[in-house]
């Protein structure tokens, strides 16, 4: 669930950024086009483009192909804002509605700063060009350069933000010396703090957007929900909170714009929270359904293992009832017995096939000739078949290299003229080949435990070769519920760094003793990713509708201004 929380925070921070940018753009459009208080529309264009960039950042979480477009538009947006700050650093006059006498002063200021602006712009463009050229010539391979491009563009944005901070800081220090008004100082300080946190965000994303490298530390930073990604998220929140306070001081005295901003804020945040709650509810339902499905899967796997045990019993009985084979056992014709057993072993695909004499000694074992001559008189299944003259089957443990593994054994007595002359055993191993076959049929990961140890599993390491056979289960809830209490159990487990919806069923021998367990699972990634995509789709719809409402509101502004204009003027007169 933490993933959805992160995605919600990302959308919330992006929504805050879009809201602040659209509100600021609307403010600068009005003051430039209608109130005639600004000479240039650089800031308006910059904040509109920045709103578009953050909308693309939301889309990027669903479709990574939007990454380069989003960071490029962000760089252009920040350059436009930089040009606006450079051309018209002072905005304190926007705190009054209806007064345009400052327009002439602004025009003079702009004329004085024109030369300086041109020099700074040229220098900045030169730096950007050098960064791009260095990236092209220093990075080997065009494709690698393409993968590095988002990080390079983000670095360009960082340089632009630094330039903006320098201008903003100089203005703050200059006006701090000229005026002792705390209000004016804070009005200059808010955007400065906002740009500083945008700088932190940019630096964090430069690291996050790096291509795959062989450096472990850097590779971790490029992962989703990494530490630098979270830092960028927090920095975005703080940056636009300060920029929101800065813009609100200008917006709140314009009644129609204030109403418009409040309305958009309510629409975005209510819709976003509603989307999160709805997604959380649906996810919980789907998660419970997945766990129930895994339980059915574990039960099915137990049935498959039981069916394999039935097959072993059927083959053992078929061999013991073979009159030709019985005659070979009675005459101790081991060569013919061996040929016959090899045919049965091939046709039955059994893993274990042994023929015992009345003393429990293995006389023929085509599955493993090393067993021939061994005495199994102490084996409870063999002893039961020879002494009780009855067939018997059970799940049992078989020695292995890294771990013992579970087998199903079926022993049937060989009877001639009402006398036991031996016994035949058929066995099947539940090893990696078995679980791979199960996964191929059901597309679910299967793990079999002998006691607490993993004896067979379909879960592999990143090299897609190694398996964690021999690893022990350490979860006390699983051990208690399954191995001790003998109950079926469902939970979410961590399998070597990846979460799985899992269900467990105990495995018992013929005496009812629990000797292991079988687990069926599926990575939570599939459900999480599907739900995450649905959540992002909802967020994108919310963002799109908000943008549409913003567009309608923009075209309605002149009419609203005519309707609510007198209130603005009245408010302005009261302040005077």
Protein backbone atom coordinates (compact mmCIF):
# COMPACT_ATOMS: atom_id res chain seq x y z
CA UNK A 1 0.00 0.00 0.00
CA UNK A 2 3.00 2.28 0.49
CA UNK A 3 3.39 2.41 -3.31
CA UNK A 4 -0.08 3.94 -3.71
CA UNK A 5 0.72 6.41 -0.95
CA UNK A 6 3.87 7.49 -2.82
CA UNK A 7 1.95 7.78 -6.08
CA UNK A 8 -0.72 9.84 -4.35
CA UNK A 9 1.93 12.15 -2.89
CA UNK A 10 3.49 12.50 -6.34
CA UNK A 11 0.12 13.41 -7.82
CA UNK A 12 -0.64 15.75 -4.94
CA UNK A 13 2.69 17.57 -5.31
CA UNK A 14 2.20 17.76 -9.09
CA UNK A 15 -1.36 19.02 -8.60
CA UNK A 16 -0.12 21.69 -6.20
CA UNK A 17 2.51 22.69 -8.75
CA UNK A 18 -0.09 22.81 -11.58
CA UNK A 19 -2.47 24.83 -9.40
CA UNK A 20 0.20 27.36 -8.39
CA UNK A 21 1.53 27.63 -11.94
CA UNK A 22 -1.91 28.14 -13.50
CA UNK A 23 -2.85 30.67 -10.83
CA UNK A 24 0.43 32.54 -11.30
CA UNK A 25 0.07 32.45 -15.07
CA UNK A 26 -3.47 33.80 -14.80
CA UNK A 27 -2.21 36.55 -12.48
CA UNK A 28 0.54 37.60 -14.87
CA UNK A 29 -1.74 37.41 -17.92
CA UNK A 30 -4.27 39.70 -16.21
CA UNK A 31 -1.70 42.19 -14.94
CA UNK A 32 0.04 42.19 -18.35
CA UNK A 33 -2.99 42.23 -20.65
CA UNK A 34 -5.72 44.02 -18.70
CA UNK A 35 -4.13 46.02 -15.90
CA UNK A 36 -1.09 47.00 -17.97
CA UNK A 37 1.25 46.67 -15.02
CA UNK A 38 3.78 44.38 -16.64
CA UNK A 39 5.85 45.00 -19.70
CA UNK A 40 6.60 41.38 -20.62
CA UNK A 41 4.69 38.10 -20.59
CA UNK A 42 7.73 35.89 -19.95
CA UNK A 43 6.51 34.86 -16.48
CA UNK A 44 3.01 34.05 -17.77
CA UNK A 45 4.42 31.83 -20.53
CA UNK A 46 6.89 30.22 -18.11
CA UNK A 47 4.29 29.29 -15.50
CA UNK A 48 1.89 27.97 -18.17
CA UNK A 49 4.66 25.76 -19.57
CA UNK A 50 5.62 24.65 -16.06
CA UNK A 51 2.01 23.60 -15.44
CA UNK A 52 2.14 21.57 -18.67
CA UNK A 53 5.45 20.01 -17.58
CA UNK A 54 3.98 18.80 -14.27
CA UNK A 55 0.97 17.42 -16.09
CA UNK A 56 3.43 15.43 -18.22
CA UNK A 57 5.23 14.31 -15.06
CA UNK A 58 1.94 12.75 -13.96
CA UNK A 59 1.65 11.05 -17.37
CA UNK A 60 5.26 9.87 -17.05
CA UNK A 61 4.34 7.71 -14.06
CA UNK A 62 2.08 5.77 -16.43
CA UNK A 63 4.05 6.02 -19.68
CA UNK A 64 7.83 6.58 -19.30
CA UNK A 65 8.02 7.81 -22.91
CA UNK A 66 6.84 11.24 -21.69
CA UNK A 67 10.04 11.70 -19.67
CA UNK A 68 12.16 13.57 -22.24
CA UNK A 69 9.24 15.77 -23.32
CA UNK A 70 8.40 16.63 -19.70
CA UNK A 71 11.95 17.59 -18.67
CA UNK A 72 12.42 19.57 -21.90
CA UNK A 73 9.26 21.63 -21.35
CA UNK A 74 10.30 22.14 -17.71
CA UNK A 75 13.67 23.51 -18.87
CA UNK A 76 11.98 25.88 -21.34
CA UNK A 77 9.50 26.95 -18.65
CA UNK A 78 12.24 27.74 -16.12
CA UNK A 79 14.14 29.69 -18.80
CA UNK A 80 11.00 31.76 -19.49
CA UNK A 81 10.60 32.45 -15.77
CA UNK A 82 14.28 33.39 -15.59
CA UNK A 83 13.80 35.86 -18.47
CA UNK A 84 10.77 37.32 -16.70
CA UNK A 85 12.61 37.73 -13.39
CA UNK A 86 15.57 39.27 -15.22
CA UNK A 87 13.40 41.72 -17.16
CA UNK A 88 11.05 42.73 -14.32
CA UNK A 89 12.43 41.75 -10.94
CA UNK A 90 10.05 43.97 -8.92
CA UNK A 91 6.44 42.87 -8.53
CA UNK A 92 5.42 44.69 -5.35
CA UNK A 93 3.22 47.05 -7.38
CA UNK A 94 0.92 44.11 -8.24
CA UNK A 95 -0.43 44.28 -4.70
CA UNK A 96 -2.64 47.18 -5.79
CA UNK A 97 -5.53 46.84 -8.22
CA UNK A 98 -6.41 49.52 -10.76
CA UNK A 99 -3.24 51.64 -10.49
CA UNK A 100 -1.10 51.81 -13.63
CA UNK A 101 1.14 54.77 -12.88
CA UNK A 102 3.97 52.38 -12.11
CA UNK A 103 3.91 51.25 -15.74
CA UNK A 104 6.21 54.07 -16.85
CA UNK A 105 8.67 53.26 -14.08
CA UNK A 106 8.64 49.61 -15.05
CA UNK A 107 9.32 50.55 -18.66
CA UNK A 108 12.33 52.61 -17.62
CA UNK A 109 13.59 49.80 -15.40
CA UNK A 110 13.24 47.34 -18.25
CA UNK A 111 15.19 49.62 -20.59
CA UNK A 112 18.05 49.85 -18.08
CA UNK A 113 18.17 46.10 -17.54
CA UNK A 114 17.88 45.24 -21.26
CA UNK A 115 21.63 45.23 -21.89
CA UNK A 116 22.32 43.27 -18.74
CA UNK A 117 19.61 40.77 -19.63
CA UNK A 118 21.09 40.23 -23.11
CA UNK A 119 24.56 39.57 -21.69
CA UNK A 120 23.24 37.17 -19.04
CA UNK A 121 21.05 35.33 -21.57
CA UNK A 122 23.97 34.86 -23.95
CA UNK A 123 26.19 33.59 -21.14
CA UNK A 124 23.50 31.18 -19.98
CA UNK A 125 22.89 29.86 -23.49
CA UNK A 126 26.64 29.38 -23.94
CA UNK A 127 26.82 27.33 -20.73
CA UNK A 128 23.88 25.18 -21.86
CA UNK A 129 25.51 24.61 -25.25
CA UNK A 130 28.80 23.57 -23.62
CA UNK A 131 26.96 21.11 -21.33
CA UNK A 132 25.20 19.51 -24.31
CA UNK A 133 28.39 19.31 -26.41
CA UNK A 134 30.33 17.84 -23.49
CA UNK A 135 27.63 15.22 -23.03
CA UNK A 136 27.73 14.27 -26.71
CA UNK A 137 31.52 13.95 -26.99
CA UNK A 138 32.31 12.54 -23.57
CA UNK A 139 29.62 9.87 -23.46
CA UNK A 140 30.45 6.87 -25.69
CA UNK A 141 27.67 5.81 -28.02
CA UNK A 142 24.60 7.62 -29.33
CA UNK A 143 22.11 5.30 -27.61
CA UNK A 144 23.78 5.85 -24.28
CA UNK A 145 23.58 9.59 -24.88
CA UNK A 146 19.85 9.25 -25.50
CA UNK A 147 19.49 7.43 -22.17
CA UNK A 148 21.54 10.17 -20.52
CA UNK A 149 19.53 12.97 -22.17
CA UNK A 150 16.84 13.35 -19.43
CA UNK A 151 19.54 13.80 -16.80
CA UNK A 152 21.41 16.30 -19.00
CA UNK A 153 18.25 18.35 -19.61
CA UNK A 154 17.50 18.24 -15.89
CA UNK A 155 21.00 19.56 -15.24
CA UNK A 156 20.32 22.41 -17.67
CA UNK A 157 17.18 23.22 -15.68
CA UNK A 158 19.29 23.28 -12.51
CA UNK A 159 21.66 25.83 -14.08
CA UNK A 160 18.70 28.01 -15.07
CA UNK A 161 17.25 27.81 -11.55
CA UNK A 162 20.63 28.80 -10.06
CA UNK A 163 20.68 31.86 -12.35
CA UNK A 164 17.15 32.76 -11.24
CA UNK A 165 18.11 32.38 -7.58
CA UNK A 166 21.10 34.71 -8.05
CA UNK A 167 18.87 37.46 -9.51
CA UNK A 168 16.19 36.89 -6.86
CA UNK A 169 18.77 37.03 -4.06
CA UNK A 170 20.32 40.25 -5.35
CA UNK A 171 16.89 41.86 -5.53
CA UNK A 172 16.06 40.67 -2.02
CA UNK A 173 19.29 42.11 -0.58
CA UNK A 174 18.88 45.38 -2.49
CA UNK A 175 15.30 45.95 -1.40
CA UNK A 176 16.10 44.84 2.13
CA UNK A 177 18.59 47.71 2.31
CA UNK A 178 16.16 50.17 0.71
CA UNK A 179 13.11 49.33 2.79
CA UNK A 180 12.55 48.27 6.36
CA UNK A 181 9.09 46.92 5.57
CA UNK A 182 8.88 43.34 6.79
CA UNK A 183 6.05 42.66 4.40
CA UNK A 184 8.14 43.65 1.40
CA UNK A 185 11.07 41.57 2.64
CA UNK A 186 8.93 38.46 2.98
CA UNK A 187 7.31 39.09 -0.36
CA UNK A 188 10.76 38.93 -1.92
CA UNK A 189 11.86 36.03 0.27
CA UNK A 190 8.98 33.65 -0.58
CA UNK A 191 9.92 33.13 -4.25
CA UNK A 192 13.61 32.94 -3.31
CA UNK A 193 12.92 30.04 -0.92
CA UNK A 194 10.65 28.43 -3.51
CA UNK A 195 13.39 28.53 -6.18
CA UNK A 196 15.93 27.11 -3.71
CA UNK A 197 13.74 24.07 -3.10
CA UNK A 198 13.17 23.74 -6.83
CA UNK A 199 16.97 23.61 -7.07
CA UNK A 200 17.04 20.78 -4.50
CA UNK A 201 14.35 18.98 -6.49
CA UNK A 202 16.32 19.43 -9.71
CA UNK A 203 19.58 18.12 -8.24
CA UNK A 204 17.80 15.06 -6.84
CA UNK A 205 16.17 14.33 -10.21
CA UNK A 206 19.49 14.69 -12.03
CA UNK A 207 20.65 11.63 -10.04
CA UNK A 208 17.32 9.84 -10.34
CA UNK A 209 17.20 10.20 -14.13
CA UNK A 210 20.70 8.82 -14.71
CA UNK A 211 20.88 5.77 -17.02
CA UNK A 212 21.88 2.32 -15.74
CA UNK A 213 25.42 2.47 -14.41
CA UNK A 214 27.73 -0.12 -12.88
CA UNK A 215 27.93 1.89 -9.67
CA UNK A 216 25.67 0.36 -7.03
CA UNK A 217 24.97 3.62 -5.16
CA UNK A 218 23.95 5.47 -8.33
CA UNK A 219 21.89 2.53 -9.56
CA UNK A 220 19.87 2.54 -6.33
CA UNK A 221 19.10 6.23 -6.85
CA UNK A 222 17.55 5.53 -10.26
CA UNK A 223 15.00 3.08 -8.85
CA UNK A 224 11.37 4.02 -8.35
CA UNK A 225 10.64 5.36 -4.86
CA UNK A 226 14.36 5.74 -4.13
CA UNK A 227 15.65 8.18 -1.52
CA UNK A 228 16.44 10.90 -4.08
CA UNK A 229 13.00 10.47 -5.65
CA UNK A 230 11.37 10.98 -2.26
CA UNK A 231 13.62 14.02 -1.62
CA UNK A 232 12.49 15.50 -4.95
CA UNK A 233 8.87 14.90 -3.91
CA UNK A 234 9.30 16.68 -0.56
CA UNK A 235 11.25 19.53 -2.19
CA UNK A 236 8.46 19.99 -4.76
CA UNK A 237 5.88 20.29 -1.98
CA UNK A 238 7.87 22.86 -0.05
CA UNK A 239 8.83 24.85 -3.15
CA UNK A 240 5.29 25.30 -4.38
CA UNK A 241 3.92 25.98 -0.91
CA UNK A 242 6.22 29.03 -0.74
CA UNK A 243 5.42 30.00 -4.32
CA UNK A 244 1.72 29.57 -3.50
CA UNK A 245 2.02 31.98 -0.55
CA UNK A 246 3.88 34.43 -2.80
CA UNK A 247 1.26 34.25 -5.57
CA UNK A 248 -1.68 34.30 -3.14
CA UNK A 249 -0.63 37.71 -1.83
CA UNK A 250 -1.29 39.03 -5.35
CA UNK A 251 -4.25 36.80 -6.17
CA UNK A 252 -6.35 37.40 -3.04
CA UNK A 253 -6.95 41.10 -3.78
CA UNK A 254 -8.47 40.20 -7.16
CA UNK A 255 -11.85 38.77 -6.23
CA UNK A 256 -12.62 36.99 -9.50
CA UNK A 257 -9.17 35.39 -9.62
CA UNK A 258 -9.35 34.45 -5.94
CA UNK A 259 -12.71 32.74 -6.46
CA UNK A 260 -11.35 30.92 -9.49
CA UNK A 261 -8.26 29.65 -7.63
CA UNK A 262 -10.24 28.46 -4.62
CA UNK A 263 -12.66 26.60 -6.87
CA UNK A 264 -9.88 24.84 -8.79
CA UNK A 265 -8.15 23.92 -5.52
CA UNK A 266 -11.28 22.28 -4.15
CA UNK A 267 -11.88 20.38 -7.40
CA UNK A 268 -8.35 18.99 -7.58
CA UNK A 269 -7.85 17.97 -3.96
CA UNK A 270 -11.32 16.52 -3.37
CA UNK A 271 -11.09 14.50 -6.60
CA UNK A 272 -7.57 13.30 -5.75
CA UNK A 273 -8.48 12.18 -2.24
CA UNK A 274 -11.63 10.51 -3.55
CA UNK A 275 -9.57 8.65 -6.15
CA UNK A 276 -7.13 7.42 -3.51
CA UNK A 277 -9.89 6.20 -1.16
CA UNK A 278 -11.70 4.44 -3.99
CA UNK A 279 -8.49 2.81 -5.23
CA UNK A 280 -7.56 1.70 -1.71
CA UNK A 281 -10.98 0.08 -1.27
CA UNK A 282 -10.81 -1.72 -4.63
CA UNK A 283 -7.23 -2.82 -3.95
CA UNK A 284 -8.18 -4.36 -0.62
CA UNK A 285 -11.00 -6.32 -2.26
CA UNK A 286 -8.71 -7.55 -5.05
CA UNK A 287 -5.96 -8.40 -2.55
CA UNK A 288 -8.33 -10.55 -0.49
CA UNK A 289 -9.53 -12.23 -3.69
CA UNK A 290 -5.92 -12.94 -4.65
CA UNK A 291 -5.20 -14.54 -1.28
CA UNK A 292 -8.33 -16.69 -1.62
CA UNK A 293 -7.18 -17.66 -5.11
CA UNK A 294 -3.77 -18.66 -3.75
CA UNK A 295 -5.50 -20.80 -1.12
CA UNK A 296 -7.39 -22.60 -3.86
CA UNK A 297 -4.10 -22.96 -5.72
CA UNK A 298 -2.41 -24.54 -2.69
CA UNK A 299 -5.33 -26.94 -2.27
CA UNK A 300 -5.10 -27.84 -5.95
CA UNK A 301 -1.36 -28.46 -5.61
CA UNK A 302 -2.05 -30.78 -2.67
CA UNK A 303 -4.59 -32.63 -4.82
CA UNK A 304 -2.02 -32.97 -7.63
CA UNK A 305 0.49 -34.40 -5.15
CA UNK A 306 -2.15 -36.80 -3.85
CA UNK A 307 -2.96 -37.81 -7.41
CA UNK A 308 0.73 -38.54 -8.00
CA UNK A 309 0.62 -40.72 -4.88
CA UNK A 310 -2.40 -42.59 -6.31
CA UNK A 311 -0.48 -43.09 -9.55
CA UNK A 312 2.44 -44.59 -7.62
CA UNK A 313 0.07 -47.00 -5.88
CA UNK A 314 -1.57 -47.98 -9.17
CA UNK A 315 1.78 -48.72 -10.85
CA UNK A 316 3.02 -50.71 -7.82
CA UNK A 317 -0.14 -52.86 -7.87
CA UNK A 318 0.12 -53.29 -11.64
CA UNK A 319 3.66 -54.65 -11.30
CA UNK A 320 2.86 -56.95 -8.36
CA UNK A 321 -0.10 -58.41 -10.29
CA UNK A 322 2.07 -59.14 -13.35
CA UNK A 323 2.22 -62.97 -13.41
CA UNK A 324 5.34 -62.94 -15.57
CA UNK A 325 7.12 -60.69 -13.06
CA UNK A 326 5.87 -62.79 -10.10
CA UNK A 327 7.36 -65.89 -11.70
CA UNK A 328 10.70 -64.08 -12.13
CA UNK A 329 10.73 -63.10 -8.43
CA UNK A 330 9.82 -66.63 -7.33
CA UNK A 331 12.71 -68.08 -9.38
CA UNK A 332 15.14 -65.30 -8.33
CA UNK A 333 15.79 -64.53 -12.01
CA UNK A 334 17.37 -61.14 -11.41
CA UNK A 335 18.43 -60.50 -14.99
CA UNK A 336 14.90 -60.86 -16.34
CA UNK A 337 13.56 -58.92 -13.35
CA UNK A 338 15.90 -56.07 -14.16
CA UNK A 339 14.80 -55.97 -17.81
CA UNK A 340 11.13 -56.00 -16.83
CA UNK A 341 11.60 -53.26 -14.23
CA UNK A 342 13.47 -51.07 -16.69
CA UNK A 343 10.48 -51.26 -19.04
CA UNK A 344 8.11 -50.34 -16.19
CA UNK A 345 10.40 -47.51 -15.07
CA UNK A 346 10.45 -46.03 -18.56
CA UNK A 347 6.69 -46.30 -19.12
CA UNK A 348 5.69 -45.01 -15.66
CA UNK A 349 8.33 -42.23 -15.55
CA UNK A 350 8.81 -43.05 -11.87
CA UNK A 351 11.74 -41.63 -9.92
CA UNK A 352 12.06 -44.60 -7.56
CA UNK A 353 11.52 -48.27 -8.42
CA UNK A 354 12.75 -50.98 -6.07
CA UNK A 355 12.05 -54.69 -5.71
CA UNK A 356 12.49 -56.21 -2.23
CA UNK A 357 12.84 -59.83 -1.11
CA UNK A 358 11.06 -61.12 1.99
CA UNK A 359 13.89 -59.81 4.19
CA UNK A 360 13.54 -56.23 2.99
CA UNK A 361 16.68 -56.36 0.86
CA UNK A 362 16.67 -54.52 -2.45
CA UNK A 363 17.31 -57.07 -5.18
CA UNK A 364 16.60 -54.85 -8.21
CA UNK A 365 16.65 -51.05 -8.45
CA UNK A 366 16.81 -49.71 -12.03
CA UNK A 367 16.18 -46.16 -10.76
CA UNK A 368 19.40 -46.23 -8.68
CA UNK A 369 21.62 -49.30 -8.82
CA UNK A 370 23.41 -48.12 -5.68
CA UNK A 371 20.35 -49.19 -3.67
CA UNK A 372 20.79 -52.85 -4.68
CA UNK A 373 21.87 -54.93 -1.70
CA UNK A 374 20.65 -52.41 0.87
CA UNK A 375 18.31 -53.72 3.56
CA UNK A 376 15.15 -51.66 4.32
CA UNK A 377 13.71 -53.98 6.97
CA UNK A 378 13.51 -51.04 9.41
CA UNK A 379 11.55 -48.97 6.89
CA UNK A 380 7.98 -48.74 8.23
CA UNK A 381 6.34 -48.86 4.79
CA UNK A 382 8.35 -51.87 3.57
CA UNK A 383 7.88 -53.71 6.89
CA UNK A 384 4.12 -53.02 6.81
CA UNK A 385 3.73 -54.38 3.25
CA UNK A 386 5.77 -57.54 3.99
CA UNK A 387 4.29 -58.33 7.39
CA UNK A 388 0.70 -57.14 6.99
CA UNK A 389 0.45 -58.28 3.35
CA UNK A 390 -1.22 -54.97 2.48
CA UNK A 391 -0.42 -52.15 0.14
CA UNK A 392 0.63 -48.86 1.71
CA UNK A 393 1.49 -45.38 0.48
CA UNK A 394 2.72 -42.22 2.12
CA UNK A 395 4.57 -38.96 1.66
CA UNK A 396 8.09 -39.25 2.96
CA UNK A 397 11.45 -37.45 3.10
CA UNK A 398 14.27 -38.46 0.80
CA UNK A 399 17.93 -37.43 1.31
CA UNK A 400 19.19 -34.62 -0.93
CA UNK A 401 22.31 -32.49 -1.33
CA UNK A 402 21.17 -29.07 -0.11
CA UNK A 403 18.00 -30.29 1.53
CA UNK A 404 15.95 -33.43 1.91
CA UNK A 405 13.04 -33.44 -0.51
CA UNK A 406 9.50 -34.78 -0.38
CA UNK A 407 8.64 -38.00 -2.19
CA UNK A 408 5.50 -40.07 -2.45
CA UNK A 409 6.10 -43.80 -1.94
CA UNK A 410 3.79 -46.70 -2.65
CA UNK A 411 4.78 -50.24 -1.55
CA UNK A 412 2.77 -53.28 -2.66
CA UNK A 413 3.44 -56.90 -1.53
CA UNK A 414 4.20 -59.54 -4.19
CA UNK A 415 2.05 -62.58 -3.38
CA UNK A 416 2.34 -66.07 -4.88
CA UNK A 417 -0.10 -68.78 -3.80
CA UNK A 418 -1.14 -66.83 -0.75
CA UNK A 419 2.48 -66.28 0.38
CA UNK A 420 4.49 -63.04 0.36
CA UNK A 421 7.60 -63.49 -1.72
CA UNK A 422 8.66 -59.85 -1.85
CA UNK A 423 7.47 -56.29 -2.41
CA UNK A 424 7.70 -53.59 -5.08
CA UNK A 425 8.02 -49.88 -4.43
CA UNK A 426 7.19 -46.98 -6.78
CA UNK A 427 8.09 -43.44 -5.84
CA UNK A 428 7.86 -39.95 -7.32
CA UNK A 429 9.98 -37.00 -6.23
CA UNK A 430 8.55 -33.54 -5.75
CA UNK A 431 11.62 -31.71 -6.96
CA UNK A 432 12.33 -28.67 -9.15
CA UNK A 433 11.16 -30.52 -12.26
CA UNK A 434 7.78 -31.13 -10.60
CA UNK A 435 7.25 -27.52 -9.48
CA UNK A 436 8.36 -26.23 -12.91
CA UNK A 437 5.72 -28.44 -14.52
CA UNK A 438 3.10 -27.08 -12.10
CA UNK A 439 4.03 -23.48 -12.86
CA UNK A 440 3.89 -24.15 -16.59
CA UNK A 441 0.30 -25.36 -16.23
CA UNK A 442 -1.05 -22.85 -13.68
CA UNK A 443 1.35 -19.89 -14.11
CA UNK A 444 1.78 -19.76 -10.32
CA UNK A 445 5.02 -20.07 -8.37
CA UNK A 446 5.22 -23.28 -6.34
CA UNK A 447 7.50 -23.95 -3.39
CA UNK A 448 7.77 -27.23 -1.49
CA UNK A 449 9.27 -27.42 1.97
CA UNK A 450 10.75 -30.39 3.76
CA UNK A 451 10.22 -29.35 7.34
CA UNK A 452 11.25 -25.66 7.34
CA UNK A 453 13.69 -25.96 4.46
CA UNK A 454 12.89 -25.18 0.85
CA UNK A 455 13.44 -28.40 -1.10
CA UNK A 456 12.02 -27.28 -4.47
CA UNK A 457 10.89 -23.92 -5.82
CA UNK A 458 10.15 -22.12 -9.07
CA UNK A 459 11.42 -18.82 -7.64
CA UNK A 460 14.83 -17.99 -9.04
CA UNK A 461 17.46 -15.36 -8.47
CA UNK A 462 18.04 -12.47 -10.89
CA UNK A 463 20.29 -14.64 -13.04
CA UNK A 464 17.22 -16.85 -13.73
CA UNK A 465 19.32 -19.94 -12.93
CA UNK A 466 19.95 -20.29 -9.19
CA UNK A 467 17.22 -21.28 -6.75
CA UNK A 468 17.23 -20.84 -3.02
CA UNK A 469 16.96 -24.56 -2.25
CA UNK A 470 18.07 -25.20 1.32
CA UNK A 471 16.90 -21.83 2.68
CA UNK A 472 14.82 -22.00 5.84
CA UNK A 473 11.43 -20.42 6.44
CA UNK A 474 11.79 -18.00 9.36
CA UNK A 475 8.29 -16.51 9.54
CA UNK A 476 6.90 -17.63 12.91
CA UNK A 477 3.27 -17.19 11.83
CA UNK A 478 3.78 -19.63 8.92
CA UNK A 479 5.66 -22.15 11.08
CA UNK A 480 3.04 -22.00 13.83
CA UNK A 481 -0.07 -22.17 11.64
CA UNK A 482 1.13 -24.72 9.08
CA UNK A 483 3.91 -26.88 10.54
CA UNK A 484 2.67 -26.93 14.13
CA UNK A 485 -1.13 -26.51 13.92
CA UNK A 486 -1.49 -28.17 10.51
CA UNK A 487 -3.81 -25.51 9.08
CA UNK A 488 -3.96 -23.89 5.66
CA UNK A 489 -2.64 -20.34 5.85
CA UNK A 490 -2.57 -17.28 3.57
CA UNK A 491 -0.27 -14.28 3.88
CA UNK A 492 2.05 -11.94 1.98
CA UNK A 493 5.65 -13.10 2.13
CA UNK A 494 8.98 -11.69 1.04
CA UNK A 495 10.74 -14.04 -1.31
CA UNK A 496 14.29 -12.81 -1.76
CA UNK A 497 13.35 -9.16 -2.10
CA UNK A 498 10.01 -9.57 -3.90
CA UNK A 499 6.57 -9.69 -2.27
CA UNK A 500 4.25 -12.63 -2.98
CA UNK A 501 0.62 -13.39 -2.23
CA UNK A 502 1.05 -16.89 -0.83
CA UNK A 503 -0.95 -19.79 0.60
CA UNK A 504 0.45 -22.77 2.50
CA UNK A 505 -0.85 -26.32 3.00
CA UNK A 506 0.77 -28.93 5.29
CA UNK A 507 2.13 -32.22 3.93
CA UNK A 508 1.51 -35.28 6.17
CA UNK A 509 2.87 -38.83 6.13
CA UNK A 510 0.76 -41.97 6.52
CA UNK A 511 0.66 -41.48 10.31
CA UNK A 512 -0.58 -37.89 10.07
CA UNK A 513 2.76 -36.38 11.07
CA UNK A 514 3.50 -33.07 9.32
CA UNK A 515 6.74 -33.47 7.36
CA UNK A 516 6.60 -30.34 5.21
CA UNK A 517 4.36 -27.94 3.37
CA UNK A 518 3.49 -26.80 -0.13
CA UNK A 519 3.17 -23.12 -1.01
CA UNK A 520 1.60 -21.44 -4.03
CA UNK A 521 2.16 -17.77 -4.73
CA UNK A 522 2.11 -14.95 -7.25
CA UNK A 523 4.14 -11.71 -7.10
CA UNK A 524 2.18 -8.81 -5.67
CA UNK A 525 3.76 -6.75 -8.45
CA UNK A 526 1.12 -7.86 -10.96
CA UNK A 527 -1.84 -6.71 -8.87
CA UNK A 528 0.03 -3.68 -7.53
CA UNK A 529 1.10 -2.56 -10.99
CA UNK A 530 -2.39 -3.03 -12.43
CA UNK A 531 -3.96 -1.09 -9.57
CA UNK A 532 -1.22 1.56 -9.79
CA UNK A 533 -1.96 2.02 -13.47
CA UNK A 534 -5.68 2.39 -12.71
CA UNK A 535 -4.91 4.91 -9.98
CA UNK A 536 -2.69 6.89 -12.34
CA UNK A 537 -5.39 6.80 -15.00
CA UNK A 538 -7.80 8.29 -12.48
CA UNK A 539 -5.27 10.95 -11.50
CA UNK A 540 -4.69 11.81 -15.17
CA UNK A 541 -8.43 12.19 -15.72
CA UNK A 542 -8.62 14.45 -12.66
CA UNK A 543 -5.66 16.50 -13.89
CA UNK A 544 -7.17 16.71 -17.39
CA UNK A 545 -10.53 17.85 -16.08
CA UNK A 546 -8.80 20.42 -13.86
CA UNK A 547 -6.88 21.71 -16.87
CA UNK A 548 -10.14 21.92 -18.84
CA UNK A 549 -11.83 23.84 -16.04
CA UNK A 550 -8.79 26.12 -15.89
CA UNK A 551 -9.02 26.78 -19.62
CA UNK A 552 -12.73 27.56 -19.40
CA UNK A 553 -12.01 29.78 -16.41
CA UNK A 554 -9.32 31.63 -18.35
CA UNK A 555 -11.70 32.54 -21.16
CA UNK A 556 -14.36 33.46 -18.61
CA UNK A 557 -12.00 35.80 -16.75
CA UNK A 558 -12.69 38.99 -18.78
CA UNK A 559 -16.42 38.57 -18.20
CA UNK A 560 -15.88 37.76 -14.52
CA UNK A 561 -13.64 40.79 -14.26
CA UNK A 562 -16.44 43.01 -15.56
CA UNK A 563 -18.89 41.50 -13.12
CA UNK A 564 -16.59 41.48 -10.11
CA UNK A 565 -14.48 44.45 -11.07
CA UNK A 566 -16.33 46.93 -8.82
CA UNK A 567 -15.61 44.70 -5.85
CA UNK A 568 -11.93 44.81 -6.74
CA UNK A 569 -11.98 48.56 -6.95
CA UNK A 570 -13.89 48.85 -3.70
CA UNK A 571 -11.37 46.58 -2.03
CA UNK A 572 -8.57 48.69 -3.43
CA UNK A 573 -10.15 51.93 -2.18
CA UNK A 574 -10.61 50.50 1.30
CA UNK A 575 -6.92 49.55 1.41
CA UNK A 576 -5.97 53.06 0.38
